[in-house]
PDB file of N, CA and C in Angstrom:
ATOM      1  N   MET A   1      67.023 145.625 104.504  1.00  0.00           N
ATOM      2  CA  MET A   1      66.767 145.143 103.279  1.00  0.00           C
ATOM      3  C   MET A   1      65.353 145.201 103.084  1.00  0.00           C
ATOM      4  N   ILE A   2      64.829 145.390 101.878  1.00  0.00           N
ATOM      5  CA  ILE A   2      63.367 145.481 101.393  1.00  0.00           C
ATOM      6  C   ILE A   2      63.275 144.674 100.382  1.00  0.00           C
ATOM      7  N   GLN A   3      62.058 143.940 100.416  1.00  0.00           N
ATOM      8  CA  GLN A   3      61.566 142.898  99.467  1.00  0.00           C
ATOM      9  C   GLN A   3      60.806 143.800  98.273  1.00  0.00           C
ATOM     10  N   SER A   4      61.091 143.934  97.093  1.00  0.00           N
ATOM     11  CA  SER A   4      60.650 144.510  96.253  1.00  0.00           C
ATOM     12  C   SER A   4      59.176 144.015  95.909  1.00  0.00           C
ATOM     13  N   MET A   5      58.158 145.050  95.788  1.00  0.00           N
ATOM     14  CA  MET A   5      57.151 144.625  95.327  1.00  0.00           C
ATOM     15  C   MET A   5      56.854 145.667  94.167  1.00  0.00           C
ATOM     16  N   THR A   6      55.862 145.116  93.580  1.00  0.00           N
ATOM     17  CA  THR A   6      55.266 145.894  92.229  1.00  0.00           C
ATOM     18  C   THR A   6      55.439 147.358  92.571  1.00  0.00           C
ATOM     19  N   GLY A   7      56.281 148.400  91.986  1.00  0.00           N
ATOM     20  CA  GLY A   7      56.176 149.678  92.213  1.00  0.00           C
ATOM     21  C   GLY A   7      56.710 150.662  90.945  1.00  0.00           C
ATOM     22  N   PHE A   8      56.447 152.166  91.641  1.00  0.00           N
ATOM     23  CA  PHE A   8      57.072 152.895  90.530  1.00  0.00           C
ATOM     24  C   PHE A   8      57.392 154.296  91.045  1.00  0.00           C
ATOM     25  N   GLY A   9      58.768 154.753  90.808  1.00  0.00           N
ATOM     26  CA  GLY A   9      58.755 156.186  91.408  1.00  0.00           C
ATOM     27  C   GLY A   9      59.763 156.820  90.284  1.00  0.00           C
ATOM     28  N   LYS A  10      59.602 158.135  90.283  1.00  0.00           N
ATOM     29  CA  LYS A  10      60.215 159.180  89.369  1.00  0.00           C
ATOM     30  C   LYS A  10      60.442 160.466  89.916  1.00  0.00           C
ATOM     31  N   THR A  11      61.744 160.942  89.669  1.00  0.00           N
ATOM     32  CA  THR A  11      62.181 162.328  90.084  1.00  0.00           C
ATOM     33  C   THR A  11      62.927 163.306  89.247  1.00  0.00           C
ATOM     34  N   VAL A  12      62.537 164.432  89.168  1.00  0.00           N
ATOM     35  CA  VAL A  12      63.586 165.250  88.317  1.00  0.00           C
ATOM     36  C   VAL A  12      64.239 166.344  89.213  1.00  0.00           C
ATOM     37  N   LEU A  13      65.673 166.369  88.900  1.00  0.00           N
ATOM     38  CA  LEU A  13      66.253 167.096  89.320  1.00  0.00           C
ATOM     39  C   LEU A  13      66.749 168.557  88.266  1.00  0.00           C
ATOM     40  N   GLN A  14      66.114 169.827  88.475  1.00  0.00           N
ATOM     41  CA  GLN A  14      66.741 170.846  87.595  1.00  0.00           C
ATOM     42  C   GLN A  14      67.839 171.419  88.289  1.00  0.00           C
ATOM     43  N   LEU A  15      68.933 171.450  87.701  1.00  0.00           N
ATOM     44  CA  LEU A  15      70.239 172.065  87.750  1.00  0.00           C
ATOM     45  C   LEU A  15      70.424 173.206  86.837  1.00  0.00           C
ATOM     46  N   PRO A  16      71.252 174.334  87.307  1.00  0.00           N
ATOM     47  CA  PRO A  16      71.441 175.351  86.233  1.00  0.00           C
ATOM     48  C   PRO A  16      71.930 174.715  84.899  1.00  0.00           C
ATOM     49  N   ASN A  17      72.547 173.749  84.510  1.00  0.00           N
ATOM     50  CA  ASN A  17      73.078 173.522  83.180  1.00  0.00           C
ATOM     51  C   ASN A  17      72.698 172.133  82.628  1.00  0.00           C
ATOM     52  N   LYS A  18      71.609 171.506  83.596  1.00  0.00           N
ATOM     53  CA  LYS A  18      71.286 170.206  82.950  1.00  0.00           C
ATOM     54  C   LYS A  18      69.999 169.823  83.886  1.00  0.00           C
ATOM     55  N   LYS A  19      69.256 168.923  83.304  1.00  0.00           N
ATOM     56  CA  LYS A  19      67.896 168.276  84.098  1.00  0.00           C
ATOM     57  C   LYS A  19      68.178 166.791  84.278  1.00  0.00           C
ATOM     58  N   ILE A  20      68.035 166.212  85.241  1.00  0.00           N
ATOM     59  CA  ILE A  20      68.540 164.847  85.678  1.00  0.00           C
ATOM     60  C   ILE A  20      67.333 164.181  85.927  1.00  0.00           C
ATOM     61  N   SER A  21      66.563 163.553  85.402  1.00  0.00           N
ATOM     62  CA  SER A  21      65.628 162.288  85.525  1.00  0.00           C
ATOM     63  C   SER A  21      65.883 161.018  85.721  1.00  0.00           C
ATOM     64  N   ILE A  22      65.126 160.525  87.047  1.00  0.00           N
ATOM     65  CA  ILE A  22      65.281 159.153  87.759  1.00  0.00           C
ATOM     66  C   ILE A  22      64.173 158.591  87.639  1.00  0.00           C
ATOM     67  N   GLU A  23      64.395 157.045  86.901  1.00  0.00           N
ATOM     68  CA  GLU A  23      63.109 156.325  87.090  1.00  0.00           C
ATOM     69  C   GLU A  23      63.534 155.004  87.826  1.00  0.00           C
ATOM     70  N   ILE A  24      62.608 154.463  88.671  1.00  0.00           N
ATOM     71  CA  ILE A  24      62.876 153.068  89.266  1.00  0.00           C
ATOM     72  C   ILE A  24      61.395 152.451  88.924  1.00  0.00           C
ATOM     73  N   LYS A  25      61.536 151.299  88.386  1.00  0.00           N
ATOM     74  CA  LYS A  25      60.293 150.507  88.388  1.00  0.00           C
ATOM     75  C   LYS A  25      60.596 149.186  88.968  1.00  0.00           C
ATOM     76  N   SER A  26      59.952 148.653  89.695  1.00  0.00           N
ATOM     77  CA  SER A  26      60.008 147.105  90.278  1.00  0.00           C
ATOM     78  C   SER A  26      58.851 146.261  89.925  1.00  0.00           C
ATOM     79  N   LEU A  27      59.023 145.046  90.035  1.00  0.00           N
ATOM     80  CA  LEU A  27      58.031 143.846  89.739  1.00  0.00           C
ATOM     81  C   LEU A  27      58.869 142.942  90.730  1.00  0.00           C
ATOM     82  N   ASN A  28      57.325 142.104  91.608  1.00  0.00           N
ATOM     83  CA  ASN A  28      57.905 141.172  92.395  1.00  0.00           C
ATOM     84  C   ASN A  28      58.388 140.078  91.571  1.00  0.00           C
ATOM     85  N   SER A  29      59.556 139.231  92.340  1.00  0.00           N
ATOM     86  CA  SER A  29      60.140 138.414  91.722  1.00  0.00           C
ATOM     87  C   SER A  29      60.599 137.433  92.826  1.00  0.00           C
ATOM     88  N   LYS A  30      61.173 136.400  92.436  1.00  0.00           N
ATOM     89  CA  LYS A  30      61.957 135.438  93.691  1.00  0.00           C
ATOM     90  C   LYS A  30      63.354 135.612  93.621  1.00  0.00           C
ATOM     91  N   SER A  31      63.830 136.534  92.654  1.00  0.00           N
ATOM     92  CA  SER A  31      65.425 136.868  92.842  1.00  0.00           C
ATOM     93  C   SER A  31      65.448 138.135  92.386  1.00  0.00           C
ATOM     94  N   LEU A  32      66.842 138.765  92.706  1.00  0.00           N
ATOM     95  CA  LEU A  32      66.776 140.175  92.191  1.00  0.00           C
ATOM     96  C   LEU A  32      67.660 140.244  90.905  1.00  0.00           C
ATOM     97  N   ASP A  33      66.969 140.924  90.213  1.00  0.00           N
ATOM     98  CA  ASP A  33      67.162 140.966  88.641  1.00  0.00           C
ATOM     99  C   ASP A  33      67.034 142.446  88.522  1.00  0.00           C
ATOM    100  N   LEU A  34      68.550 143.053  88.340  1.00  0.00           N
ATOM    101  CA  LEU A  34      68.643 144.552  88.119  1.00  0.00           C
ATOM    102  C   LEU A  34      69.190 144.981  86.786  1.00  0.00           C
ATOM    103  N   ASN A  35      68.450 146.066  86.157  1.00  0.00           N
ATOM    104  CA  ASN A  35      68.714 146.546  84.955  1.00  0.00           C
ATOM    105  C   ASN A  35      68.794 147.758  84.910  1.00  0.00           C
ATOM    106  N   THR A  36      69.926 148.824  84.574  1.00  0.00           N
ATOM    107  CA  THR A  36      70.212 149.971  84.534  1.00  0.00           C
ATOM    108  C   THR A  36      70.313 150.253  83.194  1.00  0.00           C
ATOM    109  N   ARG A  37      69.748 151.714  82.798  1.00  0.00           N
ATOM    110  CA  ARG A  37      70.178 152.593  81.547  1.00  0.00           C
ATOM    111  C   ARG A  37      70.215 153.717  82.142  1.00  0.00           C
ATOM    112  N   MET A  38      71.414 154.180  81.569  1.00  0.00           N
ATOM    113  CA  MET A  38      71.737 155.807  81.578  1.00  0.00           C
ATOM    114  C   MET A  38      72.833 156.132  80.546  1.00  0.00           C
ATOM    115  N   PRO A  39      72.936 157.391  80.435  1.00  0.00           N
ATOM    116  CA  PRO A  39      73.733 158.116  79.502  1.00  0.00           C
ATOM    117  C   PRO A  39      75.461 157.937  79.579  1.00  0.00           C
ATOM    118  N   SER A  40      76.072 157.489  78.587  1.00  0.00           N
ATOM    119  CA  SER A  40      77.421 156.965  78.782  1.00  0.00           C
ATOM    120  C   SER A  40      78.155 158.096  79.744  1.00  0.00           C
ATOM    121  N   LEU A  41      77.899 159.596  79.677  1.00  0.00           N
ATOM    122  CA  LEU A  41      78.247 160.421  80.700  1.00  0.00           C
ATOM    123  C   LEU A  41      78.469 159.843  81.970  1.00  0.00           C
ATOM    124  N   TYR A  42      77.416 159.023  82.502  1.00  0.00           N
ATOM    125  CA  TYR A  42      77.143 158.776  83.719  1.00  0.00           C
ATOM    126  C   TYR A  42      77.749 157.181  84.046  1.00  0.00           C
ATOM    127  N   ARG A  43      78.277 156.439  83.103  1.00  0.00           N
ATOM    128  CA  ARG A  43      78.542 154.993  83.158  1.00  0.00           C
ATOM    129  C   ARG A  43      79.279 155.080  84.352  1.00  0.00           C
ATOM    130  N   GLU A  44      80.581 155.708  84.380  1.00  0.00           N
ATOM    131  CA  GLU A  44      81.491 155.296  85.323  1.00  0.00           C
ATOM    132  C   GLU A  44      80.869 155.363  86.740  1.00  0.00           C
ATOM    133  N   LYS A  45      79.471 155.973  86.987  1.00  0.00           N
ATOM    134  CA  LYS A  45      79.029 155.874  88.168  1.00  0.00           C
ATOM    135  C   LYS A  45      78.011 154.486  88.416  1.00  0.00           C
ATOM    136  N   GLU A  46      77.653 153.845  87.226  1.00  0.00           N
ATOM    137  CA  GLU A  46      76.842 152.254  86.990  1.00  0.00           C
ATOM    138  C   GLU A  46      77.089 151.755  88.131  1.00  0.00           C
ATOM    139  N   LEU A  47      78.287 151.316  88.502  1.00  0.00           N
ATOM    140  CA  LEU A  47      78.510 149.969  89.349  1.00  0.00           C
ATOM    141  C   LEU A  47      78.232 150.566  90.604  1.00  0.00           C
ATOM    142  N   HIS A  48      78.555 151.600  91.110  1.00  0.00           N
ATOM    143  CA  HIS A  48      78.325 152.211  92.266  1.00  0.00           C
ATOM    144  C   HIS A  48      76.825 152.183  92.760  1.00  0.00           C
ATOM    145  N   ILE A  49      76.004 152.865  91.439  1.00  0.00           N
ATOM    146  CA  ILE A  49      74.645 152.726  91.840  1.00  0.00           C
ATOM    147  C   ILE A  49      73.754 151.341  91.694  1.00  0.00           C
ATOM    148  N   ARG A  50      74.389 150.462  91.297  1.00  0.00           N
ATOM    149  CA  ARG A  50      73.900 148.995  91.073  1.00  0.00           C
ATOM    150  C   ARG A  50      74.256 148.713  92.483  1.00  0.00           C
ATOM    151  N   LYS A  51      75.253 148.583  93.200  1.00  0.00           N
ATOM    152  CA  LYS A  51      75.786 148.140  94.479  1.00  0.00           C
ATOM    153  C   LYS A  51      74.735 148.841  95.554  1.00  0.00           C
ATOM    154  N   ARG A  52      74.327 149.983  95.402  1.00  0.00           N
ATOM    155  CA  ARG A  52      73.551 150.750  96.217  1.00  0.00           C
ATOM    156  C   ARG A  52      72.130 150.092  96.377  1.00  0.00           C
ATOM    157  N   ILE A  53      71.945 150.145  95.193  1.00  0.00           N
ATOM    158  CA  ILE A  53      70.252 149.261  94.683  1.00  0.00           C
ATOM    159  C   ILE A  53      70.293 147.905  95.434  1.00  0.00           C
ATOM    160  N   ALA A  54      71.327 147.118  94.957  1.00  0.00           N
ATOM    161  CA  ALA A  54      71.363 145.771  95.548  1.00  0.00           C
ATOM    162  C   ALA A  54      71.618 145.788  97.007  1.00  0.00           C
ATOM    163  N   ASN A  55      72.059 146.565  97.599  1.00  0.00           N
ATOM    164  CA  ASN A  55      72.530 146.290  99.140  1.00  0.00           C
ATOM    165  C   ASN A  55      70.911 146.864  99.852  1.00  0.00           C
ATOM    166  N   GLU A  56      70.027 147.393  99.287  1.00  0.00           N
ATOM    167  CA  GLU A  56      68.859 147.803  99.519  1.00  0.00           C
ATOM    168  C   GLU A  56      67.693 147.091  99.401  1.00  0.00           C
ATOM    169  N   LEU A  57      67.482 146.233  98.358  1.00  0.00           N
ATOM    170  CA  LEU A  57      66.438 145.048  97.829  1.00  0.00           C
ATOM    171  C   LEU A  57      67.120 143.787  98.083  1.00  0.00           C
ATOM    172  N   ILE A  58      66.094 143.067  98.647  1.00  0.00           N
ATOM    173  CA  ILE A  58      66.456 141.549  98.382  1.00  0.00           C
ATOM    174  C   ILE A  58      66.251 140.805  96.998  1.00  0.00           C
ATOM    175  N   ARG A  59      65.068 141.235  96.694  1.00  0.00           N
ATOM    176  CA  ARG A  59      64.566 140.589  95.458  1.00  0.00           C
ATOM    177  C   ARG A  59      63.572 141.543  94.677  1.00  0.00           C
ATOM    178  N   GLY A  60      63.598 141.225  93.283  1.00  0.00           N
ATOM    179  CA  GLY A  60      62.703 141.918  92.427  1.00  0.00           C
ATOM    180  C   GLY A  60      63.294 141.756  91.347  1.00  0.00           C
ATOM    181  N   LYS A  61      62.330 142.479  90.320  1.00  0.00           N
ATOM    182  CA  LYS A  61      63.004 142.660  88.894  1.00  0.00           C
ATOM    183  C   LYS A  61      62.683 144.168  88.892  1.00  0.00           C
ATOM    184  N   ILE A  62      63.760 144.676  88.858  1.00  0.00           N
ATOM    185  CA  ILE A  62      63.956 146.112  88.979  1.00  0.00           C
ATOM    186  C   ILE A  62      64.790 146.955  87.621  1.00  0.00           C
ATOM    187  N   ASP A  63      63.931 147.975  87.210  1.00  0.00           N
ATOM    188  CA  ASP A  63      64.452 148.787  85.777  1.00  0.00           C
ATOM    189  C   ASP A  63      64.968 150.202  86.546  1.00  0.00           C
ATOM    190  N   PHE A  64      65.968 150.491  86.541  1.00  0.00           N
ATOM    191  CA  PHE A  64      66.689 151.888  87.086  1.00  0.00           C
ATOM    192  C   PHE A  64      67.338 152.691  85.624  1.00  0.00           C
ATOM    193  N   SER A  65      66.553 153.705  85.429  1.00  0.00           N
ATOM    194  CA  SER A  65      67.328 154.754  84.528  1.00  0.00           C
ATOM    195  C   SER A  65      67.195 156.268  84.689  1.00  0.00           C
TER     196      SER A  65
END
Protein backbone atom coordinates (compact mmCIF):
# COMPACT_ATOMS: atom_id res chain seq x y z
CA MET A 1 0.00 0.00 0.00
CA ILE A 2 1.10 3.53 -0.75
CA GLN A 3 0.65 6.69 1.30
CA SER A 4 -0.50 9.38 -1.10
CA MET A 5 1.53 12.54 -1.45
CA THR A 6 0.72 15.53 -3.61
CA GLY A 7 0.83 14.46 -7.26
CA PHE A 8 -0.84 14.44 -10.67
CA GLY A 9 -0.98 11.94 -13.49
CA LYS A 10 -2.73 11.89 -16.84
CA THR A 11 -2.87 9.50 -19.77
CA VAL A 12 -4.83 9.36 -23.01
CA LEU A 13 -5.74 6.16 -24.83
CA GLN A 14 -6.75 6.54 -28.49
CA LEU A 15 -8.93 3.66 -29.68
CA PRO A 16 -10.34 3.29 -33.21
CA ASN A 17 -13.78 4.63 -32.18
CA LYS A 18 -13.10 6.68 -29.03
CA LYS A 19 -10.54 8.53 -26.98
CA ILE A 20 -10.27 7.82 -23.23
CA SER A 21 -8.55 10.34 -20.93
CA ILE A 22 -7.71 9.41 -17.34
CA GLU A 23 -6.53 11.87 -14.68
CA ILE A 24 -5.65 11.27 -11.06
CA LYS A 25 -4.74 13.99 -8.58
CA SER A 26 -3.70 13.51 -4.97
CA LEU A 27 -3.11 15.75 -1.99
CA ASN A 28 -1.61 14.68 1.30
CA SER A 29 -4.34 14.01 3.89
CA LYS A 30 -4.71 12.01 7.12
CA SER A 31 -7.44 9.74 5.74
CA LEU A 32 -8.52 8.39 2.37
CA ASP A 33 -10.98 10.73 0.62
CA LEU A 34 -11.69 9.35 -2.85
CA ASN A 35 -13.76 11.26 -5.42
CA THR A 36 -14.51 9.87 -8.87
CA ARG A 37 -16.02 11.51 -11.94
CA MET A 38 -16.73 9.63 -15.12
CA PRO A 39 -19.25 9.55 -17.97
CA SER A 40 -22.48 7.70 -17.21
CA LEU A 41 -21.49 5.11 -19.83
CA TYR A 42 -18.80 3.84 -17.42
CA ARG A 43 -20.73 4.13 -14.13
CA GLU A 44 -21.06 0.35 -13.86
CA LYS A 45 -17.26 0.18 -13.52
CA GLU A 46 -17.07 2.91 -10.84
CA LEU A 47 -17.25 0.61 -7.80
CA HIS A 48 -14.54 -1.67 -9.22
CA ILE A 49 -12.27 1.33 -9.96
CA ARG A 50 -12.84 2.81 -6.48
CA LYS A 51 -11.94 -0.52 -4.83
CA ARG A 52 -8.74 -0.86 -6.88
CA ILE A 53 -7.61 2.66 -5.97
CA ALA A 54 -8.51 2.17 -2.28
CA ASN A 55 -6.56 -1.13 -2.20
CA GLU A 56 -3.40 0.64 -3.37
CA LEU A 57 -3.59 3.88 -1.35
CA ILE A 58 -3.68 4.22 2.45
CA ARG A 59 -4.53 7.88 2.67
CA GLY A 60 -4.84 11.13 0.73
CA LYS A 61 -7.44 13.27 -1.00
CA ILE A 62 -7.74 11.59 -4.39
CA ASP A 63 -9.62 12.92 -7.43
CA PHE A 64 -10.03 10.41 -10.27
CA SER A 65 -11.67 11.31 -13.56
